[in-house]
Amino acid sequence: MQFTLIDLDSPNFSRLYIFKNKTELGAIYQTIDWPALVKLLPQKRTKVGSPSLLPAQGYFGLMFLKHYLKLSDEKLLERLNTDWAIQMFCGVQLKDYQMIRDNAFVSNVRTYLAKHIDLGVFQQTLISQWKQEIPDKQVVSMDASCYEVYIRFPTDVKLLWESCQWLWEKQIPSLCSTYRIKLPRSKFKEQKIKYVAYSKLRKKSHRKTRSRQNALLKLLYKAIEAYQLLLNQTQAKGLSIAEAETFKTIKLVYQQQRQRYLHHQAKIPNRIVSLYKPYIRPIVRGKENKPVEFGMKVHKLQVGGISMIEHCSYEAFNEYKRLKLSIIKHKSSFGVCTHIAADRIYATNENRRYTTKKDIQTNFVRKGAGKDDKATKQIKTLLNKERATRLEGSFGTEKEHYLLHKNKARSADNEQVWLYFGIHTANAVLIAKRRQKAQRQAQMAA
């Protein structure tokens, strides 16, 4: 499907021809149904930035470009202001005197999309556009992976210190200065010296760690009491919603860390590992070099090399329980499923009974003393190869080449936008390459 950016009589028409026919960016541009995506936004759009120079198409274009070019928000904005091909991808041609100067513009666009579009519908819109070019629609591969977020590696001492620092260095002095109240006494400066000395140790013994935890718990308890007293005296005037949420999180951190200090082996539900991202949970993956990851666990389906997100959550979940729902979702998008390639964790008795009932061939290892016939063995070998190479490889490709190694968005909703656009940018590049390959083969055949 072709989309017109510029009138044929325009002096920029030659640029448009070069963009669409001579650049990979133009090939990716033509794989996306821009009018369908624009319809996902509300008709009365609030402007992002002042003045807003981008049309609605540009909001989506910027997010695709972010992951394709692997640039920071500031560098991407710089390219948008100076590169005509980037502007064409976003559906706009800036004049010589026009420039978007707001450094937070790309971040604001991401926040706007997170607030106004349904990411599930967004994904379905793209898949519908590519459906006719996806081979082997009856075969589905599935697996789960953790897409990590960009946070410092959490430890109990770091978390307690950050909480103390937020209260003693930022909130309490600011409140006392505003209302001319005497600062409460504390041992914060003394504990800061000890914390710095502890953090510089190459090997932190269990005894020293316990000592730091005990001291910081006492310091944090006093800080919470002092700050709460100040809020009561000032009637919490000037306290923003974000500050109130952070203080609430710190109270919960104190309760959890005190329980962890007193009962080290006890399991703490909904344990907080980041003060500014309290929704992040530790995801135990069991890998040799990284047993625990911090981010969003994603259950992904892959059909004909095209990936789609079936389910994502910050809480750990068992992916084998998603098999039935995955088949239902596959059927709504592609039709009947006849073959499934999945890891051995999916091979539960319940899933085996379900796939047998639906007459679905799987790559699960046969139970019992019998052996598979030659044809079944060949099918399972192909399914195993599909899962182990294409599906597992797509996780590494997306993380290394499409900015999904560490998600740097600063809120849960923005992190989901970051994830969806990263995965579907990889899909768009794959579709563009397939079209170019088919075109070359057609030219050689002619």
Protein backbone atom coordinates (compact mmCIF):
# COMPACT_ATOMS: atom_id res chain seq x y z
CA MET A 1 0.00 0.00 0.00
CA GLN A 2 1.43 3.37 -1.04
CA PHE A 3 0.96 6.58 0.96
CA THR A 4 1.37 10.04 -0.52
CA LEU A 5 3.55 12.41 1.43
CA ILE A 6 4.09 15.11 -1.19
CA ASP A 7 2.20 16.26 -4.29
CA LEU A 8 3.66 15.22 -7.64
CA ASP A 9 4.24 18.87 -8.57
CA SER A 10 6.23 19.54 -5.41
CA PRO A 11 9.99 20.24 -5.74
CA ASN A 12 10.49 17.61 -3.01
CA PHE A 13 9.05 14.83 -5.19
CA SER A 14 12.54 13.63 -6.20
CA ARG A 15 13.42 13.30 -2.51
CA LEU A 16 10.26 11.28 -2.00
CA TYR A 17 11.27 8.90 -4.82
CA ILE A 18 14.73 8.43 -3.32
CA PHE A 19 13.25 7.95 0.15
CA LYS A 20 10.78 5.25 -0.91
CA ASN A 21 12.86 3.38 -3.47
CA LYS A 22 16.50 3.81 -2.49
CA THR A 23 16.54 3.72 1.31
CA GLU A 24 15.82 0.98 3.87
CA LEU A 25 13.97 3.57 5.94
CA GLY A 26 11.57 4.14 3.03
CA ALA A 27 11.02 0.39 2.68
CA ILE A 28 10.11 0.18 6.38
CA TYR A 29 7.84 3.21 5.97
CA GLN A 30 5.80 1.39 3.33
CA THR A 31 5.19 -1.65 5.55
CA ILE A 32 3.14 0.39 8.05
CA ASP A 33 -0.52 1.32 7.61
CA TRP A 34 -0.22 4.89 8.90
CA PRO A 35 -3.90 5.95 8.44
CA ALA A 36 -5.02 2.92 10.51
CA LEU A 37 -2.60 3.86 13.30
CA VAL A 38 -3.69 7.51 13.29
CA LYS A 39 -7.31 6.38 13.83
CA LEU A 40 -6.25 4.87 17.17
CA LEU A 41 -5.65 8.37 18.56
CA PRO A 42 -8.53 10.56 19.75
CA GLN A 43 -9.90 12.94 17.11
CA LYS A 44 -9.33 15.97 19.32
CA ARG A 45 -5.64 15.64 20.04
CA THR A 46 -3.86 17.74 22.61
CA LYS A 47 -0.68 19.28 21.25
CA VAL A 48 2.59 17.72 22.32
CA GLY A 49 4.95 20.66 22.66
CA SER A 50 4.27 24.26 21.78
CA PRO A 51 3.82 24.68 18.92
CA SER A 52 3.32 21.09 17.72
CA LEU A 53 4.90 20.73 14.28
CA LEU A 54 4.28 17.00 13.87
CA PRO A 55 1.07 15.44 12.55
CA ALA A 56 -0.39 12.41 14.34
CA GLN A 57 1.55 10.08 12.05
CA GLY A 58 4.76 11.61 13.35
CA TYR A 59 3.99 10.46 16.90
CA PHE A 60 4.12 6.81 15.78
CA GLY A 61 6.98 7.51 13.38
CA LEU A 62 9.19 8.88 16.14
CA MET A 63 8.70 5.75 18.24
CA PHE A 64 9.58 3.43 15.33
CA LEU A 65 12.63 5.58 14.54
CA LYS A 66 13.73 5.54 18.18
CA HIS A 67 14.21 1.77 18.09
CA TYR A 68 15.39 1.51 14.50
CA LEU A 69 18.12 4.15 14.85
CA LYS A 70 18.95 3.27 18.49
CA LEU A 71 19.29 6.94 19.47
CA SER A 72 18.66 8.79 22.70
CA ASP A 73 15.64 11.10 22.78
CA GLU A 74 17.87 14.18 22.38
CA LYS A 75 19.82 12.72 19.43
CA LEU A 76 16.60 11.58 17.75
CA LEU A 77 15.16 15.09 18.03
CA GLU A 78 18.37 16.48 16.53
CA ARG A 79 18.07 14.10 13.58
CA LEU A 80 14.42 15.04 13.12
CA ASN A 81 15.32 18.74 12.93
CA THR A 82 18.13 18.25 10.39
CA ASP A 83 17.40 15.10 8.31
CA TRP A 84 14.78 15.28 5.55
CA ALA A 85 14.45 11.46 5.35
CA ILE A 86 13.58 11.29 9.07
CA GLN A 87 11.03 14.06 8.54
CA MET A 88 9.44 12.18 5.63
CA PHE A 89 9.14 9.08 7.81
CA CYS A 90 7.18 11.21 10.29
CA GLY A 91 4.98 12.68 7.55
CA VAL A 92 6.29 16.24 7.72
CA GLN A 93 8.77 18.53 5.97
CA LEU A 94 10.05 21.26 8.27
CA LYS A 95 10.91 24.59 6.75
CA ASP A 96 14.37 26.13 7.13
CA TYR A 97 13.26 28.34 10.01
CA GLN A 98 11.26 25.63 11.79
CA MET A 99 12.75 23.54 14.57
CA ILE A 100 11.45 21.58 17.56
CA ARG A 101 13.47 22.90 20.49
CA ASP A 102 11.90 21.05 23.42
CA ASN A 103 14.42 18.40 24.54
CA ALA A 104 11.60 16.47 26.25
CA PHE A 105 9.53 16.33 23.04
CA VAL A 106 10.17 12.63 22.29
CA SER A 107 9.49 11.67 25.90
CA ASN A 108 6.25 13.69 25.85
CA VAL A 109 5.17 11.89 22.67
CA ARG A 110 5.80 8.53 24.35
CA THR A 111 3.76 9.59 27.36
CA TYR A 112 0.94 10.81 25.09
CA LEU A 113 0.78 7.49 23.23
CA ALA A 114 0.85 5.55 26.52
CA LYS A 115 -2.13 7.54 27.71
CA HIS A 116 -4.25 7.48 24.55
CA ILE A 117 -3.74 4.22 22.63
CA ASP A 118 -4.63 0.61 23.40
CA LEU A 119 -1.40 -1.30 22.76
CA GLY A 120 -3.29 -4.53 22.10
CA VAL A 121 -5.30 -2.86 19.31
CA PHE A 122 -2.11 -1.21 18.05
CA GLN A 123 -0.47 -4.63 17.76
CA GLN A 124 -3.51 -6.15 16.06
CA THR A 125 -3.58 -3.31 13.53
CA LEU A 126 0.01 -3.98 12.49
CA ILE A 127 -0.45 -7.78 12.37
CA SER A 128 -3.56 -7.36 10.16
CA GLN A 129 -1.52 -5.25 7.74
CA TRP A 130 1.22 -7.93 7.49
CA LYS A 131 -1.04 -11.00 7.65
CA GLN A 132 -0.94 -11.79 3.92
CA GLU A 133 2.88 -11.80 3.92
CA ILE A 134 3.31 -14.16 6.87
CA PRO A 135 4.05 -17.78 5.86
CA ASP A 136 3.06 -20.90 7.78
CA LYS A 137 0.24 -19.23 9.70
CA GLN A 138 -0.85 -22.56 11.17
CA VAL A 139 2.48 -22.99 13.03
CA VAL A 140 3.02 -21.02 16.24
CA SER A 141 6.08 -20.85 18.49
CA MET A 142 5.85 -19.57 22.06
CA ASP A 143 8.21 -18.76 24.89
CA ALA A 144 8.74 -16.19 27.65
CA SER A 145 11.60 -13.84 28.41
CA CYS A 146 12.34 -10.94 30.74
CA TYR A 147 12.94 -7.52 29.20
CA GLU A 148 14.91 -5.71 31.88
CA VAL A 149 14.49 -2.10 32.94
CA TYR A 150 17.29 0.37 33.49
CA ILE A 151 17.78 0.42 37.27
CA ARG A 152 20.83 -0.01 39.48
CA PHE A 153 21.23 -3.54 40.81
CA PRO A 154 19.15 -3.55 44.01
CA THR A 155 20.45 -4.52 47.42
CA ASP A 156 18.84 -4.05 50.81
CA VAL A 157 21.50 -1.55 51.95
CA LYS A 158 21.18 0.55 48.76
CA LEU A 159 17.41 0.67 49.05
CA LEU A 160 17.51 1.73 52.71
CA TRP A 161 20.16 4.36 51.99
CA GLU A 162 18.19 5.85 49.08
CA SER A 163 15.13 6.13 51.32
CA CYS A 164 17.14 7.85 54.08
CA GLN A 165 18.77 10.14 51.53
CA TRP A 166 15.43 11.19 50.01
CA LEU A 167 14.08 12.16 53.44
CA TRP A 168 17.14 13.62 55.21
CA GLU A 169 18.79 15.38 52.24
CA LYS A 170 15.80 16.49 50.19
CA GLN A 171 12.39 16.54 51.84
CA ILE A 172 13.05 17.42 55.49
CA PRO A 173 15.52 20.31 54.81
CA SER A 174 13.22 21.71 52.09
CA LEU A 175 10.17 21.66 54.34
CA CYS A 176 12.04 23.16 57.30
CA SER A 177 13.47 25.92 55.10
CA THR A 178 10.08 26.80 53.61
CA TYR A 179 8.27 27.06 56.95
CA ARG A 180 11.29 28.21 59.01
CA ILE A 181 11.25 25.20 61.28
CA LYS A 182 14.33 24.00 63.10
CA LEU A 183 15.91 20.92 61.55
CA PRO A 184 15.44 17.78 63.66
CA ARG A 185 18.60 16.21 65.05
CA SER A 186 19.92 13.11 63.34
CA LYS A 187 23.03 11.03 62.74
CA PHE A 188 22.65 11.28 58.96
CA LYS A 189 26.09 12.80 58.29
CA GLU A 190 27.79 10.18 60.44
CA GLN A 191 25.90 7.37 58.69
CA LYS A 192 26.72 8.86 55.29
CA ILE A 193 30.45 8.56 56.00
CA LYS A 194 29.99 4.96 57.11
CA TYR A 195 27.85 4.12 54.07
CA VAL A 196 30.45 5.53 51.66
CA ALA A 197 33.17 3.51 53.39
CA TYR A 198 30.98 0.38 53.19
CA SER A 199 30.15 0.90 49.51
CA LYS A 200 33.87 1.09 48.65
CA LEU A 201 34.60 -2.32 50.13
CA ARG A 202 35.42 -4.92 47.49
CA LYS A 203 34.16 -7.73 49.70
CA LYS A 204 31.24 -6.96 51.99
CA SER A 205 31.05 -9.46 54.80
CA HIS A 206 27.72 -10.64 56.17
CA ARG A 207 28.52 -9.06 59.53
CA LYS A 208 29.19 -5.61 58.07
CA THR A 209 26.09 -5.81 55.88
CA ARG A 210 23.92 -6.65 58.87
CA SER A 211 25.45 -3.78 60.79
CA ARG A 212 24.66 -1.33 57.97
CA GLN A 213 21.10 -2.64 57.68
CA ASN A 214 20.50 -2.23 61.41
CA ALA A 215 21.87 1.33 61.48
CA LEU A 216 19.96 2.41 58.36
CA LEU A 217 16.71 0.91 59.63
CA LYS A 218 16.99 3.02 62.80
CA LEU A 219 17.90 6.12 60.78
CA LEU A 220 14.99 5.56 58.38
CA TYR A 221 12.51 5.03 61.22
CA LYS A 222 13.53 8.35 62.77
CA ALA A 223 13.30 10.07 59.37
CA ILE A 224 9.77 8.77 58.76
CA GLU A 225 8.66 9.97 62.20
CA ALA A 226 10.29 13.40 61.74
CA TYR A 227 8.88 13.92 58.25
CA GLN A 228 5.39 12.82 59.29
CA LEU A 229 5.51 15.27 62.21
CA LEU A 230 6.51 18.10 59.86
CA LEU A 231 3.69 17.21 57.46
CA ASN A 232 1.22 17.31 60.35
CA GLN A 233 2.51 20.72 61.47
CA THR A 234 2.32 22.19 57.94
CA GLN A 235 -0.88 20.29 57.04
CA ALA A 236 1.01 18.73 54.11
CA LYS A 237 0.88 21.96 52.11
CA GLY A 238 2.98 21.91 48.95
CA LEU A 239 3.33 18.12 48.95
CA SER A 240 2.97 16.88 45.37
CA ILE A 241 1.27 13.63 44.37
CA ALA A 242 4.62 12.12 43.32
CA GLU A 243 6.20 13.02 46.67
CA ALA A 244 3.24 11.56 48.56
CA GLU A 245 3.55 8.31 46.57
CA THR A 246 7.29 8.14 47.23
CA PHE A 247 6.78 8.67 50.97
CA LYS A 248 4.14 5.94 50.98
CA THR A 249 6.61 3.65 49.21
CA ILE A 250 9.32 4.45 51.76
CA LYS A 251 7.01 3.45 54.61
CA LEU A 252 6.40 0.13 52.88
CA VAL A 253 10.13 -0.29 52.23
CA TYR A 254 10.81 0.15 55.96
CA GLN A 255 8.22 -2.50 56.89
CA GLN A 256 9.54 -4.99 54.33
CA GLN A 257 13.21 -4.42 55.15
CA ARG A 258 12.61 -4.68 58.89
CA GLN A 259 10.82 -8.00 58.37
CA ARG A 260 13.66 -9.14 56.10
CA TYR A 261 16.25 -8.12 58.72
CA LEU A 262 14.50 -9.96 61.54
CA HIS A 263 13.48 -13.00 59.46
CA HIS A 264 16.05 -13.30 56.68
CA GLN A 265 14.63 -16.50 55.16
CA ALA A 266 11.02 -15.29 55.09
CA LYS A 267 9.44 -14.66 51.68
CA ILE A 268 8.13 -11.12 51.30
CA PRO A 269 5.18 -10.74 48.89
CA ASN A 270 5.31 -7.78 46.46
CA ARG A 271 8.81 -6.94 47.58
CA ILE A 272 9.98 -3.48 46.47
CA VAL A 273 13.40 -3.35 44.83
CA SER A 274 13.37 0.21 43.46
CA LEU A 275 12.30 3.35 45.31
CA TYR A 276 11.29 5.27 42.18
CA LYS A 277 9.87 2.24 40.33
CA PRO A 278 8.00 0.34 43.07
CA TYR A 279 6.13 -1.76 40.49
CA ILE A 280 9.34 -3.59 39.49
CA ARG A 281 9.60 -7.14 40.86
CA PRO A 282 12.49 -9.63 40.85
CA ILE A 283 11.93 -12.26 38.14
CA VAL A 284 13.76 -15.50 38.93
CA ARG A 285 14.96 -16.93 35.60
CA GLY A 286 17.50 -19.49 36.79
CA LYS A 287 20.18 -18.54 34.27
CA GLU A 288 23.74 -19.43 35.16
CA ASN A 289 25.13 -15.92 34.71
CA LYS A 290 22.00 -14.03 35.77
CA PRO A 291 19.67 -15.96 38.10
CA VAL A 292 17.43 -12.94 38.80
CA GLU A 293 16.31 -10.22 36.37
CA PHE A 294 14.40 -7.02 37.05
CA GLY A 295 11.85 -5.93 34.51
CA MET A 296 8.82 -7.07 32.56
CA LYS A 297 8.21 -10.75 31.88
CA VAL A 298 6.79 -11.19 28.39
CA HIS A 299 5.09 -14.21 26.88
CA LYS A 300 5.63 -13.98 23.14
CA LEU A 301 4.10 -15.78 20.18
CA GLN A 302 5.83 -16.06 16.82
CA VAL A 303 4.17 -16.92 13.52
CA GLY A 304 6.23 -17.03 10.35
CA GLY A 305 9.03 -15.12 12.06
CA ILE A 306 6.70 -12.26 13.11
CA SER A 307 6.54 -11.75 16.87
CA MET A 308 3.55 -10.62 18.91
CA ILE A 309 3.12 -10.05 22.63
CA GLU A 310 0.57 -12.43 24.14
CA HIS A 311 0.96 -11.32 27.76
CA CYS A 312 3.30 -9.11 29.77
CA SER A 313 3.52 -8.47 33.49
CA TYR A 314 5.91 -7.19 36.14
CA GLU A 315 4.85 -10.11 38.32
CA ALA A 316 6.37 -13.52 37.69
CA PHE A 317 3.99 -15.99 36.04
CA ASN A 318 4.17 -19.56 34.72
CA GLU A 319 4.21 -19.40 30.94
CA TYR A 320 2.94 -22.97 30.50
CA LYS A 321 -0.44 -21.81 31.82
CA ARG A 322 -0.73 -19.42 28.85
CA LEU A 323 -0.80 -22.18 26.17
CA LYS A 324 -4.61 -22.41 25.84
CA LEU A 325 -5.05 -18.64 25.73
CA SER A 326 -2.24 -18.40 23.19
CA ILE A 327 -3.98 -20.83 20.85
CA ILE A 328 -7.23 -18.86 21.17
CA LYS A 329 -5.48 -15.58 20.40
CA HIS A 330 -3.65 -17.17 17.48
CA LYS A 331 -6.96 -18.40 16.07
CA SER A 332 -8.51 -14.93 16.25
CA SER A 333 -5.60 -13.47 14.25
CA PHE A 334 -4.49 -16.24 11.89
CA GLY A 335 -7.05 -19.04 11.95
CA VAL A 336 -6.61 -22.70 12.86
CA CYS A 337 -3.43 -23.76 14.66
CA THR A 338 -2.07 -27.17 13.63
CA HIS A 339 1.49 -27.14 15.04
CA ILE A 340 3.03 -25.75 18.24
CA ALA A 341 6.72 -25.32 19.07
CA ALA A 342 7.34 -24.68 22.75
CA ASP A 343 9.82 -25.35 25.52
CA ARG A 344 9.59 -28.50 27.62
CA ILE A 345 8.07 -26.53 30.51
CA TYR A 346 4.82 -26.39 28.48
CA ALA A 347 4.61 -30.21 28.28
CA THR A 348 2.24 -30.66 31.24
CA ASN A 349 -0.44 -33.35 31.26
CA GLU A 350 -3.15 -30.69 30.97
CA ASN A 351 -1.53 -29.10 27.91
CA ARG A 352 -0.93 -32.51 26.32
CA ARG A 353 -4.60 -33.43 26.71
CA TYR A 354 -5.69 -30.08 25.30
CA THR A 355 -3.45 -30.25 22.20
CA THR A 356 -4.49 -33.89 21.58
CA LYS A 357 -8.15 -32.91 21.81
CA LYS A 358 -7.62 -30.06 19.33
CA ASP A 359 -5.56 -32.32 17.04
CA ILE A 360 -2.48 -30.08 17.33
CA GLN A 361 0.98 -31.51 16.66
CA THR A 362 3.57 -30.44 19.27
CA ASN A 363 7.30 -30.88 19.76
CA PHE A 364 6.80 -32.35 23.25
CA VAL A 365 8.85 -35.44 24.14
CA ARG A 366 6.66 -38.53 24.00
CA LYS A 367 5.69 -40.06 27.35
CA GLY A 368 5.86 -43.78 27.97
CA ALA A 369 7.82 -46.59 26.40
CA GLY A 370 6.61 -46.14 22.82
CA LYS A 371 8.50 -44.34 20.06
CA ASP A 372 7.39 -41.76 17.53
CA ASP A 373 7.13 -42.84 13.91
CA LYS A 374 9.56 -41.39 11.36
CA ALA A 375 7.21 -38.66 10.07
CA THR A 376 6.33 -37.46 13.59
CA LYS A 377 10.00 -37.43 14.55
CA GLN A 378 10.83 -35.26 11.53
CA ILE A 379 8.04 -32.82 12.34
CA LYS A 380 9.21 -32.51 15.95
CA THR A 381 12.78 -31.91 14.77
CA LEU A 382 11.61 -29.05 12.52
CA LEU A 383 9.49 -27.56 15.32
CA ASN A 384 12.41 -27.75 17.75
CA LYS A 385 14.66 -26.04 15.21
CA GLU A 386 12.07 -23.31 14.62
CA ARG A 387 11.79 -22.58 18.33
CA ALA A 388 15.48 -22.83 19.17
CA THR A 389 16.76 -20.72 16.26
CA ARG A 390 14.13 -18.26 15.09
CA LEU A 391 12.16 -17.64 18.32
CA GLU A 392 15.10 -17.73 20.73
CA GLY A 393 17.15 -15.69 18.26
CA SER A 394 14.46 -13.01 18.08
CA PHE A 395 14.85 -12.32 21.82
CA GLY A 396 18.55 -11.58 21.37
CA THR A 397 17.98 -9.57 18.19
CA GLU A 398 15.39 -7.33 19.82
CA LYS A 399 17.50 -6.78 22.92
CA GLU A 400 20.75 -6.07 21.12
CA HIS A 401 19.54 -4.17 18.03
CA TYR A 402 16.24 -2.52 18.99
CA LEU A 403 16.90 -0.93 22.41
CA LEU A 404 15.24 -3.67 24.46
CA HIS A 405 18.37 -4.72 26.37
CA LYS A 406 17.56 -2.13 29.05
CA ASN A 407 14.24 -0.30 29.00
CA LYS A 408 14.99 3.33 29.89
CA ALA A 409 11.43 4.67 30.09
CA ARG A 410 10.53 6.20 33.44
CA SER A 411 7.04 4.87 34.14
CA ALA A 412 5.19 1.57 33.80
CA ASP A 413 2.97 2.77 30.93
CA ASN A 414 5.90 4.27 29.02
CA GLU A 415 7.88 1.07 29.47
CA GLN A 416 5.09 -0.86 27.76
CA VAL A 417 5.09 1.59 24.84
CA TRP A 418 8.88 1.18 24.62
CA LEU A 419 8.49 -2.63 24.58
CA TYR A 420 5.72 -2.80 21.94
CA PHE A 421 7.41 -0.41 19.54
CA GLY A 422 10.75 -2.19 19.94
CA ILE A 423 9.30 -5.59 19.03
CA HIS A 424 7.18 -4.29 16.14
CA THR A 425 10.04 -2.23 14.74
CA ALA A 426 11.93 -5.52 14.43
CA ASN A 427 8.85 -6.98 12.69
CA ALA A 428 8.63 -4.05 10.26
CA VAL A 429 12.31 -4.42 9.32
CA LEU A 430 11.78 -8.14 8.68
CA ILE A 431 8.72 -7.50 6.46
CA ALA A 432 10.64 -4.82 4.52
CA LYS A 433 13.53 -7.22 3.88
CA ARG A 434 11.13 -9.93 2.69
CA ARG A 435 9.49 -7.51 0.25
CA GLN A 436 12.85 -6.41 -1.11
CA LYS A 437 13.93 -10.04 -1.54
CA ALA A 438 10.69 -10.91 -3.35
CA GLN A 439 11.12 -7.88 -5.60
CA ARG A 440 14.68 -8.89 -6.53
CA GLN A 441 13.57 -12.44 -7.29
CA ALA A 442 10.74 -11.13 -9.48
CA GLN A 443 13.16 -8.91 -11.40
CA MET A 444 15.58 -11.81 -11.92
CA ALA A 445 12.73 -14.06 -13.10
CA ALA A 446 11.59 -11.38 -15.57
